[in-house]
N, C-alpha and C. Protein backbone atom coordinates (compact mmCIF):
# COMPACT_ATOMS: atom_id res chain seq x y z
N MET A 1 11.79 55.30 -13.58
CA MET A 1 11.21 54.42 -12.55
C MET A 1 12.00 53.13 -12.48
N THR A 2 12.39 52.74 -11.31
CA THR A 2 13.16 51.51 -11.13
C THR A 2 12.33 50.49 -10.37
N THR A 3 12.85 49.29 -10.38
CA THR A 3 12.12 48.23 -9.66
C THR A 3 12.13 48.48 -8.17
N ALA A 4 13.08 49.23 -7.69
CA ALA A 4 13.13 49.52 -6.26
C ALA A 4 11.94 50.36 -5.82
N GLU A 5 11.34 51.11 -6.80
CA GLU A 5 10.23 51.98 -6.46
C GLU A 5 8.89 51.25 -6.47
N VAL A 6 8.91 50.00 -6.96
CA VAL A 6 7.66 49.24 -7.02
C VAL A 6 7.39 48.62 -5.66
N ARG A 7 6.25 48.93 -5.14
CA ARG A 7 5.89 48.41 -3.82
C ARG A 7 4.82 47.32 -3.98
N THR A 8 5.06 46.23 -3.30
CA THR A 8 4.08 45.14 -3.32
C THR A 8 3.08 45.37 -2.21
N PRO A 9 1.80 45.12 -2.46
CA PRO A 9 0.80 45.31 -1.41
C PRO A 9 1.02 44.34 -0.27
N SER A 10 0.86 44.85 0.93
CA SER A 10 1.05 43.99 2.10
C SER A 10 -0.09 42.99 2.19
N ALA A 11 0.29 41.76 2.54
CA ALA A 11 -0.71 40.71 2.65
C ALA A 11 -1.50 40.87 3.94
N ALA A 12 -2.73 40.51 3.88
CA ALA A 12 -3.57 40.57 5.07
C ALA A 12 -3.09 39.56 6.10
N PRO A 13 -3.30 39.87 7.39
CA PRO A 13 -2.86 38.93 8.42
C PRO A 13 -3.51 37.56 8.22
N GLY A 14 -2.69 36.52 8.29
CA GLY A 14 -3.21 35.16 8.13
C GLY A 14 -3.31 34.69 6.71
N ALA A 15 -3.04 35.57 5.73
CA ALA A 15 -3.19 35.16 4.33
C ALA A 15 -2.08 34.21 3.91
N ARG A 16 -0.87 34.44 4.40
CA ARG A 16 0.26 33.61 3.98
C ARG A 16 0.11 32.15 4.44
N PRO A 17 -0.21 31.88 5.71
CA PRO A 17 -0.44 30.47 6.10
C PRO A 17 -1.58 29.82 5.33
N ALA A 18 -2.64 30.59 5.07
CA ALA A 18 -3.75 30.01 4.32
C ALA A 18 -3.32 29.64 2.91
N TRP A 19 -2.52 30.50 2.28
CA TRP A 19 -2.04 30.22 0.94
C TRP A 19 -1.15 29.00 0.94
N ARG A 20 -0.31 28.90 1.94
CA ARG A 20 0.56 27.72 2.02
C ARG A 20 -0.25 26.45 2.21
N GLY A 21 -1.30 26.53 3.02
CA GLY A 21 -2.14 25.36 3.22
C GLY A 21 -2.83 24.93 1.95
N ALA A 22 -3.33 25.91 1.19
CA ALA A 22 -4.00 25.58 -0.07
C ALA A 22 -3.02 24.99 -1.07
N ALA A 23 -1.81 25.56 -1.11
CA ALA A 23 -0.80 25.05 -2.04
C ALA A 23 -0.38 23.63 -1.65
N GLY A 24 -0.25 23.38 -0.35
CA GLY A 24 0.12 22.04 0.10
C GLY A 24 -0.95 21.02 -0.22
N ALA A 25 -2.22 21.42 -0.03
CA ALA A 25 -3.32 20.51 -0.35
C ALA A 25 -3.37 20.21 -1.84
N ARG A 26 -3.13 21.24 -2.66
CA ARG A 26 -3.13 21.03 -4.11
C ARG A 26 -1.98 20.13 -4.53
N LEU A 27 -0.80 20.33 -3.93
CA LEU A 27 0.35 19.47 -4.24
C LEU A 27 0.05 18.02 -3.90
N ALA A 28 -0.55 17.79 -2.72
CA ALA A 28 -0.89 16.43 -2.31
C ALA A 28 -1.91 15.81 -3.26
N TRP A 29 -2.89 16.60 -3.68
CA TRP A 29 -3.92 16.09 -4.59
C TRP A 29 -3.32 15.73 -5.95
N LEU A 30 -2.42 16.58 -6.46
CA LEU A 30 -1.78 16.29 -7.74
C LEU A 30 -0.93 15.03 -7.65
N HIS A 31 -0.26 14.86 -6.51
CA HIS A 31 0.55 13.65 -6.32
C HIS A 31 -0.35 12.42 -6.31
N VAL A 32 -1.46 12.51 -5.60
CA VAL A 32 -2.40 11.38 -5.51
C VAL A 32 -2.95 11.03 -6.89
N ARG A 33 -3.31 12.04 -7.67
CA ARG A 33 -3.86 11.78 -9.00
C ARG A 33 -2.81 11.18 -9.93
N SER A 34 -1.57 11.69 -9.84
CA SER A 34 -0.53 11.18 -10.73
C SER A 34 -0.20 9.73 -10.43
N ARG A 35 -0.43 9.29 -9.20
CA ARG A 35 -0.17 7.89 -8.83
C ARG A 35 -1.40 7.00 -9.02
N ARG A 36 -2.45 7.52 -9.57
CA ARG A 36 -3.68 6.77 -9.83
C ARG A 36 -4.26 6.19 -8.54
N VAL A 37 -4.19 6.97 -7.48
CA VAL A 37 -4.73 6.51 -6.20
C VAL A 37 -6.24 6.30 -6.26
N PRO A 38 -7.02 7.16 -6.95
CA PRO A 38 -8.46 6.86 -7.04
C PRO A 38 -8.75 5.48 -7.64
N GLY A 39 -7.98 5.09 -8.64
CA GLY A 39 -8.14 3.75 -9.21
C GLY A 39 -7.78 2.67 -8.22
N ALA A 40 -6.75 2.92 -7.40
CA ALA A 40 -6.36 1.95 -6.38
C ALA A 40 -7.45 1.80 -5.32
N VAL A 41 -8.10 2.90 -4.96
CA VAL A 41 -9.18 2.83 -3.98
C VAL A 41 -10.33 1.99 -4.53
N LEU A 42 -10.62 2.17 -5.82
CA LEU A 42 -11.67 1.35 -6.46
C LEU A 42 -11.28 -0.13 -6.45
N ALA A 43 -10.00 -0.41 -6.72
CA ALA A 43 -9.53 -1.80 -6.70
C ALA A 43 -9.65 -2.39 -5.30
N LEU A 44 -9.39 -1.60 -4.27
CA LEU A 44 -9.53 -2.08 -2.89
C LEU A 44 -10.99 -2.42 -2.60
N ALA A 45 -11.90 -1.58 -3.07
CA ALA A 45 -13.32 -1.85 -2.87
C ALA A 45 -13.73 -3.15 -3.56
N VAL A 46 -13.17 -3.40 -4.75
CA VAL A 46 -13.47 -4.64 -5.47
C VAL A 46 -12.95 -5.84 -4.68
N CYS A 47 -11.73 -5.73 -4.14
CA CYS A 47 -11.17 -6.82 -3.33
C CYS A 47 -12.05 -7.12 -2.12
N ALA A 48 -12.51 -6.05 -1.45
CA ALA A 48 -13.37 -6.24 -0.29
C ALA A 48 -14.68 -6.91 -0.69
N ALA A 49 -15.25 -6.49 -1.84
CA ALA A 49 -16.50 -7.08 -2.31
C ALA A 49 -16.32 -8.56 -2.66
N VAL A 50 -15.21 -8.89 -3.31
CA VAL A 50 -14.96 -10.29 -3.68
C VAL A 50 -14.77 -11.15 -2.44
N LEU A 51 -14.05 -10.62 -1.44
CA LEU A 51 -13.86 -11.38 -0.21
C LEU A 51 -15.19 -11.57 0.53
N HIS A 52 -16.00 -10.54 0.53
CA HIS A 52 -17.32 -10.64 1.15
C HIS A 52 -18.16 -11.73 0.46
N ALA A 53 -18.12 -11.71 -0.87
CA ALA A 53 -18.88 -12.72 -1.63
C ALA A 53 -18.34 -14.12 -1.37
N ALA A 54 -16.99 -14.24 -1.28
CA ALA A 54 -16.39 -15.55 -1.03
C ALA A 54 -16.83 -16.12 0.30
N LEU A 55 -16.94 -15.25 1.31
CA LEU A 55 -17.36 -15.72 2.63
C LEU A 55 -18.87 -15.93 2.71
N ARG A 56 -19.59 -15.07 2.04
CA ARG A 56 -21.05 -15.16 2.10
C ARG A 56 -21.59 -16.41 1.40
N TRP A 57 -21.02 -16.70 0.23
CA TRP A 57 -21.49 -17.83 -0.55
C TRP A 57 -20.59 -19.07 -0.41
N ASN A 58 -19.74 -19.02 0.63
CA ASN A 58 -19.00 -20.21 1.06
C ASN A 58 -18.04 -20.72 -0.02
N TRP A 59 -17.38 -19.78 -0.74
CA TRP A 59 -16.38 -20.22 -1.72
C TRP A 59 -15.19 -20.86 -1.03
N THR A 60 -14.95 -20.49 0.23
CA THR A 60 -13.80 -21.02 0.96
C THR A 60 -14.14 -22.29 1.72
N PHE A 61 -15.37 -22.71 1.71
CA PHE A 61 -15.84 -23.91 2.38
C PHE A 61 -15.70 -23.86 3.90
N ASN A 62 -15.23 -22.69 4.42
CA ASN A 62 -15.17 -22.43 5.86
C ASN A 62 -14.36 -23.47 6.64
N SER A 63 -13.63 -24.31 5.95
CA SER A 63 -12.80 -25.30 6.64
C SER A 63 -11.72 -25.78 5.67
N GLY A 64 -10.71 -26.41 6.21
CA GLY A 64 -9.64 -26.89 5.36
C GLY A 64 -8.74 -25.76 4.89
N LYS A 65 -7.87 -26.08 3.96
CA LYS A 65 -6.87 -25.10 3.50
C LYS A 65 -7.48 -23.98 2.67
N LEU A 66 -8.56 -24.24 1.93
CA LEU A 66 -9.18 -23.19 1.13
C LEU A 66 -9.72 -22.06 1.99
N ALA A 67 -10.07 -22.36 3.23
CA ALA A 67 -10.57 -21.33 4.13
C ALA A 67 -9.53 -20.26 4.39
N GLN A 68 -8.26 -20.58 4.20
CA GLN A 68 -7.18 -19.62 4.40
C GLN A 68 -6.58 -19.17 3.07
N GLN A 69 -6.60 -20.03 2.06
CA GLN A 69 -5.95 -19.72 0.80
C GLN A 69 -6.67 -18.62 0.03
N VAL A 70 -7.99 -18.72 -0.08
CA VAL A 70 -8.74 -17.73 -0.86
C VAL A 70 -8.62 -16.33 -0.25
N PRO A 71 -8.86 -16.15 1.07
CA PRO A 71 -8.66 -14.82 1.64
C PRO A 71 -7.24 -14.30 1.47
N MET A 72 -6.26 -15.19 1.55
CA MET A 72 -4.87 -14.78 1.39
C MET A 72 -4.62 -14.19 -0.01
N LEU A 73 -5.19 -14.82 -1.02
CA LEU A 73 -5.03 -14.31 -2.38
C LEU A 73 -5.67 -12.93 -2.54
N ILE A 74 -6.84 -12.75 -1.93
CA ILE A 74 -7.53 -11.46 -2.05
C ILE A 74 -6.78 -10.38 -1.27
N GLU A 75 -6.22 -10.73 -0.12
CA GLU A 75 -5.41 -9.78 0.65
C GLU A 75 -4.17 -9.38 -0.14
N ALA A 76 -3.58 -10.34 -0.86
CA ALA A 76 -2.43 -10.02 -1.72
C ALA A 76 -2.85 -9.08 -2.85
N GLY A 77 -4.07 -9.27 -3.38
CA GLY A 77 -4.57 -8.36 -4.40
C GLY A 77 -4.73 -6.95 -3.88
N ALA A 78 -5.20 -6.81 -2.64
CA ALA A 78 -5.32 -5.48 -2.04
C ALA A 78 -3.95 -4.82 -1.87
N ALA A 79 -2.97 -5.61 -1.41
CA ALA A 79 -1.61 -5.07 -1.27
C ALA A 79 -1.03 -4.68 -2.63
N ALA A 80 -1.33 -5.47 -3.67
CA ALA A 80 -0.84 -5.15 -5.01
C ALA A 80 -1.41 -3.84 -5.50
N ALA A 81 -2.67 -3.57 -5.19
CA ALA A 81 -3.29 -2.29 -5.58
C ALA A 81 -2.56 -1.12 -4.94
N VAL A 82 -2.04 -1.33 -3.73
CA VAL A 82 -1.30 -0.26 -3.04
C VAL A 82 0.06 -0.04 -3.70
N VAL A 83 0.80 -1.11 -3.96
CA VAL A 83 2.18 -0.94 -4.42
C VAL A 83 2.26 -0.45 -5.87
N VAL A 84 1.24 -0.70 -6.66
CA VAL A 84 1.26 -0.19 -8.04
C VAL A 84 1.25 1.33 -8.07
N THR A 85 0.71 1.95 -7.02
CA THR A 85 0.68 3.42 -6.97
C THR A 85 2.05 4.03 -6.73
N THR A 86 3.07 3.20 -6.53
CA THR A 86 4.43 3.74 -6.38
C THR A 86 5.00 4.22 -7.70
N HIS A 87 4.36 3.87 -8.81
CA HIS A 87 4.87 4.27 -10.12
C HIS A 87 4.66 5.76 -10.35
N SER A 88 5.70 6.43 -10.84
CA SER A 88 5.62 7.85 -11.18
C SER A 88 5.64 8.03 -12.69
N PRO A 89 4.71 8.83 -13.25
CA PRO A 89 4.73 9.06 -14.68
C PRO A 89 5.71 10.15 -15.10
N PHE A 90 6.40 10.78 -14.15
CA PHE A 90 7.25 11.93 -14.47
C PHE A 90 8.74 11.62 -14.45
N GLY A 91 9.16 10.65 -13.65
CA GLY A 91 10.55 10.24 -13.66
C GLY A 91 11.49 11.24 -13.01
N GLU A 92 12.65 11.41 -13.62
CA GLU A 92 13.73 12.21 -13.03
C GLU A 92 13.37 13.68 -12.82
N PRO A 93 12.61 14.35 -13.71
CA PRO A 93 12.27 15.75 -13.45
C PRO A 93 11.57 15.93 -12.10
N GLU A 94 10.70 15.00 -11.75
CA GLU A 94 10.01 15.11 -10.47
C GLU A 94 10.99 14.88 -9.32
N ARG A 95 11.90 13.93 -9.48
CA ARG A 95 12.89 13.67 -8.42
C ARG A 95 13.76 14.91 -8.19
N ALA A 96 14.13 15.60 -9.28
CA ALA A 96 15.03 16.74 -9.16
C ALA A 96 14.35 17.96 -8.56
N GLY A 97 13.07 18.14 -8.87
CA GLY A 97 12.39 19.36 -8.44
C GLY A 97 11.44 19.21 -7.29
N GLY A 98 11.21 17.99 -6.82
CA GLY A 98 10.21 17.80 -5.77
C GLY A 98 10.82 17.59 -4.42
N ARG A 99 11.06 18.65 -3.65
CA ARG A 99 11.68 18.48 -2.33
C ARG A 99 10.71 17.87 -1.32
N TRP A 100 9.41 17.95 -1.61
CA TRP A 100 8.42 17.35 -0.72
C TRP A 100 8.11 15.91 -1.12
N LEU A 101 8.78 15.42 -2.15
CA LEU A 101 8.44 14.10 -2.68
C LEU A 101 8.57 12.97 -1.66
N PRO A 102 9.63 12.90 -0.85
CA PRO A 102 9.71 11.82 0.14
C PRO A 102 8.53 11.82 1.11
N TYR A 103 8.10 13.01 1.53
CA TYR A 103 6.97 13.09 2.46
C TYR A 103 5.68 12.65 1.78
N LEU A 104 5.52 12.99 0.51
CA LEU A 104 4.34 12.57 -0.23
C LEU A 104 4.33 11.06 -0.43
N ARG A 105 5.49 10.48 -0.70
CA ARG A 105 5.59 9.02 -0.82
C ARG A 105 5.17 8.36 0.49
N LEU A 106 5.74 8.85 1.58
CA LEU A 106 5.46 8.26 2.90
C LEU A 106 3.98 8.36 3.23
N GLY A 107 3.42 9.55 3.07
CA GLY A 107 2.01 9.75 3.41
C GLY A 107 1.08 8.91 2.56
N THR A 108 1.36 8.84 1.26
CA THR A 108 0.50 8.07 0.37
C THR A 108 0.55 6.58 0.69
N ALA A 109 1.77 6.06 0.91
CA ALA A 109 1.91 4.63 1.21
C ALA A 109 1.23 4.27 2.53
N LEU A 110 1.42 5.09 3.55
CA LEU A 110 0.80 4.82 4.85
C LEU A 110 -0.72 4.91 4.76
N ALA A 111 -1.21 5.96 4.09
CA ALA A 111 -2.66 6.16 4.00
C ALA A 111 -3.31 5.02 3.22
N LEU A 112 -2.70 4.61 2.12
CA LEU A 112 -3.30 3.54 1.32
C LEU A 112 -3.25 2.20 2.05
N THR A 113 -2.16 1.94 2.77
CA THR A 113 -2.08 0.69 3.54
C THR A 113 -3.16 0.64 4.61
N GLY A 114 -3.32 1.75 5.33
CA GLY A 114 -4.38 1.81 6.33
C GLY A 114 -5.76 1.70 5.71
N LEU A 115 -5.94 2.35 4.56
CA LEU A 115 -7.22 2.27 3.87
C LEU A 115 -7.51 0.85 3.39
N ALA A 116 -6.47 0.17 2.90
CA ALA A 116 -6.65 -1.21 2.45
C ALA A 116 -7.14 -2.09 3.59
N ILE A 117 -6.53 -1.94 4.76
CA ILE A 117 -6.96 -2.73 5.91
C ILE A 117 -8.39 -2.39 6.29
N GLY A 118 -8.71 -1.09 6.32
CA GLY A 118 -10.05 -0.68 6.71
C GLY A 118 -11.12 -1.13 5.74
N VAL A 119 -10.84 -0.99 4.43
CA VAL A 119 -11.85 -1.37 3.43
C VAL A 119 -12.08 -2.87 3.43
N VAL A 120 -11.00 -3.66 3.48
CA VAL A 120 -11.16 -5.11 3.50
C VAL A 120 -11.86 -5.55 4.79
N GLN A 121 -11.56 -4.87 5.89
CA GLN A 121 -12.24 -5.20 7.14
C GLN A 121 -13.74 -4.95 7.03
N LEU A 122 -14.13 -3.86 6.35
CA LEU A 122 -15.55 -3.61 6.13
C LEU A 122 -16.19 -4.74 5.32
N GLY A 123 -15.40 -5.28 4.39
CA GLY A 123 -15.94 -6.36 3.55
C GLY A 123 -16.21 -7.64 4.30
N VAL A 124 -15.53 -7.83 5.44
CA VAL A 124 -15.72 -9.08 6.19
C VAL A 124 -16.53 -8.86 7.46
N THR A 125 -17.14 -7.68 7.59
CA THR A 125 -17.96 -7.41 8.77
C THR A 125 -19.10 -8.43 8.86
N ALA A 126 -19.25 -9.00 10.03
CA ALA A 126 -20.28 -10.01 10.31
C ALA A 126 -20.06 -11.30 9.54
N MET A 127 -18.88 -11.47 8.96
CA MET A 127 -18.55 -12.70 8.24
C MET A 127 -17.56 -13.53 9.07
N ASN A 128 -17.47 -14.81 8.80
CA ASN A 128 -16.55 -15.70 9.51
C ASN A 128 -15.26 -15.83 8.71
N LEU A 129 -14.32 -14.94 8.98
CA LEU A 129 -13.03 -14.94 8.29
C LEU A 129 -12.05 -15.82 9.02
N ASN A 130 -11.51 -16.81 8.34
CA ASN A 130 -10.53 -17.71 8.95
C ASN A 130 -9.28 -16.91 9.32
N GLY A 131 -8.88 -16.98 10.57
CA GLY A 131 -7.72 -16.23 11.04
C GLY A 131 -8.08 -14.88 11.62
N GLY A 132 -9.25 -14.38 11.28
CA GLY A 132 -9.71 -13.12 11.86
C GLY A 132 -9.10 -11.89 11.19
N VAL A 133 -9.53 -10.74 11.70
CA VAL A 133 -9.12 -9.46 11.12
C VAL A 133 -7.64 -9.18 11.37
N LEU A 134 -7.11 -9.63 12.50
CA LEU A 134 -5.70 -9.38 12.81
C LEU A 134 -4.78 -10.06 11.80
N GLN A 135 -5.09 -11.28 11.44
CA GLN A 135 -4.28 -11.97 10.45
C GLN A 135 -4.38 -11.28 9.10
N MET A 136 -5.58 -10.81 8.75
CA MET A 136 -5.77 -10.09 7.50
C MET A 136 -4.92 -8.82 7.47
N ALA A 137 -4.94 -8.05 8.57
CA ALA A 137 -4.16 -6.82 8.64
C ALA A 137 -2.67 -7.12 8.54
N ARG A 138 -2.22 -8.16 9.24
CA ARG A 138 -0.80 -8.53 9.18
C ARG A 138 -0.38 -8.92 7.77
N ASN A 139 -1.25 -9.65 7.06
CA ASN A 139 -0.92 -10.06 5.70
C ASN A 139 -0.81 -8.87 4.77
N ILE A 140 -1.75 -7.94 4.86
CA ILE A 140 -1.71 -6.77 3.98
C ILE A 140 -0.48 -5.93 4.28
N ILE A 141 -0.16 -5.75 5.55
CA ILE A 141 1.02 -4.96 5.91
C ILE A 141 2.29 -5.60 5.37
N GLY A 142 2.45 -6.89 5.61
CA GLY A 142 3.67 -7.57 5.17
C GLY A 142 3.81 -7.65 3.66
N ILE A 143 2.72 -7.97 2.96
CA ILE A 143 2.79 -8.09 1.50
C ILE A 143 3.04 -6.73 0.88
N THR A 144 2.44 -5.68 1.45
CA THR A 144 2.72 -4.33 0.95
C THR A 144 4.19 -3.98 1.13
N GLY A 145 4.76 -4.37 2.27
CA GLY A 145 6.19 -4.12 2.49
C GLY A 145 7.06 -4.80 1.46
N ILE A 146 6.73 -6.04 1.09
CA ILE A 146 7.49 -6.73 0.04
C ILE A 146 7.37 -5.96 -1.27
N GLY A 147 6.16 -5.50 -1.59
CA GLY A 147 5.96 -4.75 -2.83
C GLY A 147 6.73 -3.44 -2.85
N LEU A 148 6.78 -2.74 -1.72
CA LEU A 148 7.53 -1.49 -1.66
C LEU A 148 9.02 -1.73 -1.89
N LEU A 149 9.53 -2.81 -1.31
CA LEU A 149 10.93 -3.14 -1.55
C LEU A 149 11.18 -3.49 -3.00
N CYS A 150 10.28 -4.26 -3.59
CA CYS A 150 10.44 -4.67 -4.99
C CYS A 150 10.37 -3.49 -5.94
N SER A 151 9.59 -2.46 -5.58
CA SER A 151 9.46 -1.31 -6.48
C SER A 151 10.79 -0.61 -6.71
N LEU A 152 11.73 -0.74 -5.77
CA LEU A 152 13.04 -0.12 -5.95
C LEU A 152 13.84 -0.80 -7.05
N ALA A 153 13.53 -2.07 -7.31
CA ALA A 153 14.26 -2.83 -8.33
C ALA A 153 13.47 -3.00 -9.61
N THR A 154 12.17 -3.19 -9.51
CA THR A 154 11.36 -3.52 -10.67
C THR A 154 10.58 -2.32 -11.21
N GLY A 155 10.44 -1.26 -10.41
CA GLY A 155 9.55 -0.18 -10.78
C GLY A 155 8.16 -0.45 -10.24
N GLY A 156 7.35 0.60 -10.16
CA GLY A 156 6.04 0.46 -9.55
C GLY A 156 5.08 -0.43 -10.30
N LEU A 157 5.14 -0.42 -11.62
CA LEU A 157 4.18 -1.17 -12.41
C LEU A 157 4.35 -2.68 -12.28
N LEU A 158 5.55 -3.14 -11.91
CA LEU A 158 5.81 -4.58 -11.75
C LEU A 158 6.05 -4.97 -10.30
N ALA A 159 5.79 -4.04 -9.37
CA ALA A 159 6.10 -4.30 -7.98
C ALA A 159 5.20 -5.37 -7.36
N TRP A 160 4.12 -5.73 -8.04
CA TRP A 160 3.20 -6.73 -7.50
C TRP A 160 3.64 -8.16 -7.82
N VAL A 161 4.60 -8.34 -8.73
CA VAL A 161 4.93 -9.68 -9.21
C VAL A 161 5.54 -10.54 -8.10
N ILE A 162 6.58 -10.04 -7.45
CA ILE A 162 7.25 -10.83 -6.42
C ILE A 162 6.35 -11.05 -5.20
N PRO A 163 5.56 -10.07 -4.74
CA PRO A 163 4.61 -10.38 -3.66
C PRO A 163 3.66 -11.52 -4.01
N MET A 164 3.17 -11.54 -5.24
CA MET A 164 2.29 -12.64 -5.64
C MET A 164 3.05 -13.97 -5.66
N GLY A 165 4.32 -13.93 -6.08
CA GLY A 165 5.14 -15.13 -6.03
C GLY A 165 5.36 -15.61 -4.61
N TYR A 166 5.52 -14.65 -3.68
CA TYR A 166 5.68 -15.03 -2.28
C TYR A 166 4.40 -15.67 -1.73
N ILE A 167 3.26 -15.16 -2.16
CA ILE A 167 1.99 -15.74 -1.71
C ILE A 167 1.85 -17.17 -2.24
N ALA A 168 2.32 -17.41 -3.48
CA ALA A 168 2.30 -18.79 -4.00
C ALA A 168 3.18 -19.68 -3.13
N PHE A 169 4.34 -19.16 -2.71
CA PHE A 169 5.20 -19.91 -1.79
C PHE A 169 4.51 -20.15 -0.46
N ALA A 170 3.79 -19.14 0.05
CA ALA A 170 3.07 -19.29 1.31
C ALA A 170 1.95 -20.33 1.18
N GLN A 171 1.32 -20.37 0.01
CA GLN A 171 0.29 -21.40 -0.20
C GLN A 171 0.89 -22.80 -0.11
N TYR A 172 2.08 -22.96 -0.67
CA TYR A 172 2.77 -24.25 -0.58
C TYR A 172 3.14 -24.55 0.87
N ALA A 173 3.61 -23.53 1.59
CA ALA A 173 3.96 -23.72 2.99
C ALA A 173 2.74 -24.14 3.80
N LEU A 174 1.57 -23.63 3.41
CA LEU A 174 0.35 -24.01 4.10
C LEU A 174 0.02 -25.49 3.89
N THR A 175 0.17 -25.93 2.65
CA THR A 175 -0.13 -27.35 2.37
C THR A 175 0.86 -28.28 3.05
N GLU A 176 2.10 -27.81 3.26
CA GLU A 176 3.12 -28.63 3.91
C GLU A 176 3.16 -28.44 5.42
N ALA A 177 2.31 -27.55 5.92
CA ALA A 177 2.21 -27.29 7.37
C ALA A 177 3.54 -26.81 7.95
N TRP A 178 4.25 -25.92 7.21
CA TRP A 178 5.48 -25.35 7.74
C TRP A 178 5.15 -24.39 8.88
N ARG A 179 6.06 -24.28 9.85
CA ARG A 179 5.81 -23.46 11.03
C ARG A 179 6.80 -22.30 11.17
N SER A 180 7.58 -22.03 10.15
CA SER A 180 8.56 -20.96 10.24
C SER A 180 7.89 -19.58 10.24
N PRO A 181 8.41 -18.61 11.05
CA PRO A 181 7.86 -17.25 11.01
C PRO A 181 8.01 -16.58 9.64
N CYS A 182 8.95 -17.09 8.83
CA CYS A 182 9.13 -16.53 7.48
C CYS A 182 7.92 -16.80 6.59
N THR A 183 7.11 -17.75 6.98
CA THR A 183 5.86 -18.02 6.26
C THR A 183 4.70 -17.37 7.01
N TRP A 184 4.90 -16.12 7.42
CA TRP A 184 3.94 -15.44 8.29
C TRP A 184 2.53 -15.33 7.72
N PRO A 185 2.28 -15.32 6.41
CA PRO A 185 0.88 -15.23 5.98
C PRO A 185 0.01 -16.41 6.43
N VAL A 186 0.63 -17.56 6.70
CA VAL A 186 -0.16 -18.74 7.08
C VAL A 186 -0.10 -19.01 8.57
N ARG A 187 0.59 -18.16 9.32
CA ARG A 187 0.71 -18.38 10.76
C ARG A 187 -0.52 -17.85 11.49
N PRO A 188 -0.82 -18.34 12.69
CA PRO A 188 -1.98 -17.85 13.46
C PRO A 188 -1.85 -16.36 13.76
N PRO A 189 -2.98 -15.70 14.01
CA PRO A 189 -2.94 -14.24 14.23
C PRO A 189 -2.18 -13.83 15.48
N ASP A 190 -1.99 -14.72 16.45
CA ASP A 190 -1.28 -14.39 17.68
C ASP A 190 0.18 -14.81 17.65
N ASP A 191 0.70 -15.19 16.47
CA ASP A 191 2.09 -15.61 16.35
C ASP A 191 2.99 -14.37 16.38
N ARG A 192 3.76 -14.23 17.44
CA ARG A 192 4.58 -13.04 17.62
C ARG A 192 5.68 -12.95 16.56
N GLY A 193 6.30 -14.09 16.25
CA GLY A 193 7.36 -14.09 15.25
C GLY A 193 6.85 -13.67 13.88
N ALA A 194 5.63 -14.10 13.54
CA ALA A 194 5.04 -13.72 12.26
C ALA A 194 4.80 -12.21 12.21
N TRP A 195 4.32 -11.63 13.29
CA TRP A 195 4.10 -10.19 13.35
C TRP A 195 5.42 -9.43 13.22
N ILE A 196 6.47 -9.94 13.87
CA ILE A 196 7.77 -9.28 13.78
C ILE A 196 8.28 -9.30 12.34
N CYS A 197 8.16 -10.45 11.68
CA CYS A 197 8.62 -10.56 10.29
C CYS A 197 7.84 -9.62 9.37
N ALA A 198 6.51 -9.64 9.49
CA ALA A 198 5.69 -8.78 8.63
C ALA A 198 5.94 -7.31 8.91
N GLY A 199 6.04 -6.94 10.19
CA GLY A 199 6.29 -5.54 10.54
C GLY A 199 7.67 -5.07 10.10
N LEU A 200 8.66 -5.95 10.22
CA LEU A 200 10.01 -5.59 9.81
C LEU A 200 10.09 -5.37 8.30
N VAL A 201 9.47 -6.27 7.54
CA VAL A 201 9.46 -6.12 6.08
C VAL A 201 8.77 -4.81 5.68
N PHE A 202 7.65 -4.50 6.33
CA PHE A 202 6.94 -3.28 5.99
C PHE A 202 7.75 -2.05 6.36
N GLY A 203 8.35 -2.06 7.56
CA GLY A 203 9.13 -0.91 7.99
C GLY A 203 10.32 -0.64 7.08
N VAL A 204 11.06 -1.69 6.73
CA VAL A 204 12.22 -1.52 5.84
C VAL A 204 11.77 -1.08 4.46
N GLY A 205 10.71 -1.70 3.96
CA GLY A 205 10.21 -1.33 2.64
C GLY A 205 9.72 0.10 2.59
N LEU A 206 9.00 0.53 3.63
CA LEU A 206 8.49 1.89 3.66
C LEU A 206 9.62 2.90 3.74
N LEU A 207 10.63 2.62 4.56
CA LEU A 207 11.76 3.54 4.69
C LEU A 207 12.52 3.65 3.38
N ALA A 208 12.81 2.51 2.77
CA ALA A 208 13.57 2.52 1.51
C ALA A 208 12.79 3.23 0.41
N PHE A 209 11.50 2.97 0.33
CA PHE A 209 10.69 3.62 -0.70
C PHE A 209 10.58 5.12 -0.46
N THR A 210 10.47 5.52 0.80
CA THR A 210 10.38 6.95 1.11
C THR A 210 11.64 7.68 0.68
N LEU A 211 12.80 7.09 0.93
CA LEU A 211 14.06 7.76 0.63
C LEU A 211 14.45 7.67 -0.84
N ARG A 212 14.17 6.55 -1.47
CA ARG A 212 14.64 6.32 -2.84
C ARG A 212 13.54 6.43 -3.89
N GLY A 213 12.37 5.99 -3.56
CA GLY A 213 11.29 5.96 -4.54
C GLY A 213 11.42 4.75 -5.46
N ALA A 214 10.37 4.48 -6.20
CA ALA A 214 10.38 3.35 -7.13
C ALA A 214 11.37 3.59 -8.26
N ARG A 215 11.90 2.50 -8.79
CA ARG A 215 12.85 2.60 -9.90
C ARG A 215 12.19 3.20 -11.13
N GLN A 216 12.94 4.07 -11.81
CA GLN A 216 12.46 4.69 -13.03
C GLN A 216 13.35 4.26 -14.18
N SER A 217 12.75 3.76 -15.26
CA SER A 217 13.51 3.39 -16.44
C SER A 217 13.43 4.50 -17.48
N ILE A 218 14.26 4.41 -18.51
CA ILE A 218 14.23 5.41 -19.58
C ILE A 218 12.87 5.38 -20.28
N ARG A 219 12.30 4.20 -20.42
CA ARG A 219 10.99 4.09 -21.07
C ARG A 219 9.92 4.81 -20.28
N ASP A 220 10.02 4.75 -18.92
CA ASP A 220 9.07 5.48 -18.07
C ASP A 220 9.20 6.96 -18.28
């Protein structure tokens, strides 16, 4: 008896696409779990709750610079929760064997960024947010883009450091009343130049992260 005589049972019509769909869903779920996305979602919920409490109990005083500074810090925290998920616990073996990895990176980053905006927006529902929801969305998008770019150099676990440093710079720009589009976190929500800067940073960061992925060290 040879292997040529072994016949494989024919698959039922429609079984192959269903199997592929199940395998794709499992691959996406394993990728999400390996990046600690459930923990990031919990962190986003905490950020939304803290921002809600800050507005409800008037931690921002609803006027002056604190009305913009406190929400900005919380929005940066939400973006940091997103960029930390760029870290891979597998390193080079995953890069070598995962042909779907760029698509998984892209999908996860986009989904988490959108989720961050949605969850934080829920936290400020019926609240008086200085700058409004549009400014909040622009800040999360731009800060996430900075973090994605930084992950290529620092790795995912430290990708939040430079975005937080940029927010400290933006806080200083706010106190000095700078008007440059490069200080887009403190610009009004209808500032076109600020939107262009934030969108450009996010687009470049997302593209670079999709193609290259976060930096992996030998220790990782």
